[in-house]
Amino acid sequence: MLVLWLCLLYGAAADPQHTPDHVRTESEQLEEDARNFLHELDVKGSEECTVATMTSWNYASDITEKHKKEKAAAELKYAEWEKEAWERVRKWNGKWETLSDPYLKRQFKFMSILGTAALPKHDLEKYNNLVTEMSTVYSTAKICDYKNPRSCKLELEPDLTKILRTSRDYDELEHVWKMWRYNTGRRIRDHYKLFVRLANKAAKLNGFDNMGDMWLYPYESDTFRDDLAELWQQLNPLYQQLHAYVRRKLRQKYGEHYVTRRGPIPAHLLGNMWAQNWGHIYDLAIPFPHKASLDVTPQMVSKGYTPRRMFELSEEFFVSLNLTRMPPEFWQHSIIEKPQGRDLVCHASAWDFCNAKDFRIKQCTDVTMNDLITVHHEMGHIEYYLQYKHLPGVFRNGANPGFHEAVGDVLALSVSTPKHLLKIGLLNEVQDDPEADINFLLSMALSKITFLPFGYLIDLWRWDVFSGKTLENDWNCAWWDLRYKLQGIKPPVQRSEYDFDPGAKYHIPGNTPYIRYFVSFVVQFQFHKALCIKAGEYDPLDPSKPLHKCDIDHSTEAGNALGDMLQLGSSKEWPEALEILTGTRKMDASVIREYFKPLELWLAKDNERHGEFIGWETDEILCTSEVVKKTAKSEEGVAASDGVVVGGGSAPGSLLLIFFTLLHFVQF
């Protein structure tokens, strides 16, 4: 068929009887046929995607064996349809490349990648089951209480998260850190071995060397990894100053026996299960404690805030920018509080049901300032869905995956400002002086700057696992090499290859690519700067209008500019979308340094004044590749006496790159 078509085309070009008008007519007919073909696939794809997404939602929101089987069956059915559609698309190879309409060509380009559905049916079933099983272990794992070992019902949300956020007991924190990894990562490791092999098989069937390369395809750049390394080099000096400052504050709290002057920081002391966000130790690190606290959680509680009110507040912000309200289905079907009496995947996520009307969030919301920020993050995904819902399914995605993660965070940068918190009644006054500014910027840095190396390293680790550069017998130690090198942290207890600490983070068993979050944290500041200038809230030449004080609330000019970019979805390459909003086609971490410049200058002076060592070094062995069976059994016995409870849980399977992505975004 393809050869015949090419012969006809060549003959038409060579025959003097054929006029240029006739050639043009054939070209126009081809484009019309292509347009009709794509529309047909789009309509059917929407229907199939809605059914598959609904079964994933049912399982993630109510983990039962019945829902697990329904989800597995629906995933296979959807994959079969995708493969059938892909085979039809392949018949256009050699033709779609000649189309003059770039919009059509881009759709065909994306549809040429099938994703994991390229696997043979029995392998695809194994692959999906592995992701479900790994997520099951993670989502329902429980550990025993350090203070009451007979009580073994502590879940990650809200129990362990609260302990890590509020406890300052070194041993209790170590217990929680260690037992969570015992009950998740260790029990996931064997599953992950087979998962990697099947993932790479799927990638090869799609024409990639390994799954890591396939994950990078949506970024459409041959230099993407080098660009990321350059971004991190831009950011590392600021991170090292912050690390040195926090290390000193923790040393003052716990003593030099636990936190040395020149070494890495013990990971369990940073207020978060993965040391990715240090905001919960702000009380230990606050530069000027006599100034008013910027954590408005007590005010939220005293004013009777509920999860519903937090979501309504976020919606009001979007509407004030002339963006779109949530549809009725959102309020009818979203889960914004943890239901009683059932297991579910509590990790916050935003869902698109592929029918241009049903969009939902699932979040076990607590009334805290941190969760208020998370609400804005997830609502940002929904707003993106709403802005591009008019596009064909293949383009209903972010310009690149990091863009999708950035939208809600851009608004949260305004919501977090003292000026905005005063406006909505969560602060009684704004202290406008240099010390208050440093307090605010440090609070922001403890969540933004500290995340950057973590956001970078997770997929650095996975790319090397998928490529085979990191072998199975070095998985865990390679993980700790990266965490030491980039984050300057260490485990509270020595690790080995009997452990699998990457598996203690949701996105590893849940099979969610992570570099999108690093990209998001960079571009959100670029978005923020551009929007603040449009709102008249930032002027680089006016010291009275610094970037960190910008609040774009009620700026329709800023909102319209943001909406113009969001409405493109992935129909344009991301540099073009970035340029529409910011005027530049490149990611640029210098805007982050610009935002935090007053803090960076202050940290450098303060660290110098205290003689702090910038960087970290250690003679400790953080991880050993040796696995001694006797030690493993012995440790298992000790762990059992600590009270280990094994559970199950799930998250939807791998994201597919073709047609309608089974699209939901999870919190970082």
Foldseek 3Di string as FASTA:
>chain_A
DLVVVVVVLVVLVPDPVRDPVNNVVVLVVLVVVLVVLLVVCLVVLLVLLLLLLVLQVVCQQFPDPVSVVSNLVSVLVSLVVLVVSLVVLVVCVVPLVPRPDLLSNVQSVLSLFWALSLDDSVLSSLLQVLLFFLLWQQQQFWQAQPVGLVRTRHHVPPRLLVCLLDPPDVVRLLLSLVQLQVSHFLVSLVSVVSNLVSQQVSQVSSVHRWNLVVLCVLQVDPCVVVQLVVLLVVQQLLLLLLQLLVLVLVCVSPNCVQRPQFAFHACSNQSGSRQQFSLSCLVSRQPDVVDDDLWLLVVCVVVPHDLVNLLVVLQLQLVLLVADHQAPLAVVDAARARDPDGGRRQFWKWADSSPLRHIYIRHNDDSTVVSSLVSLQRVLLVSLQNLAVVDRQLLSAALGLLRSRQRSNLQVLQCSAPVNCVVVPSDVDDDPDLSSVLSSLSSVCSGQSSNQLVLVVLSVLVVCVSNVVQPLLCSVVVSQVSCCVRNRYFHPDAAESSTRNSRSDSCSSNVPDRNSNNLSSQVSLLLNVLLQVQQVQADPVDPVRASSNGHSGSNNSSSVQVSVLSNRRNSDNQLVSSCSRRVGSGGDNVSVCSNSVSNSVVSVVVCVVVVRDRGHDDPDNRYYSDDDPVVVVVVVVVSVSSGTDGTTGGHGHHWTSHRRTSDMDGDD
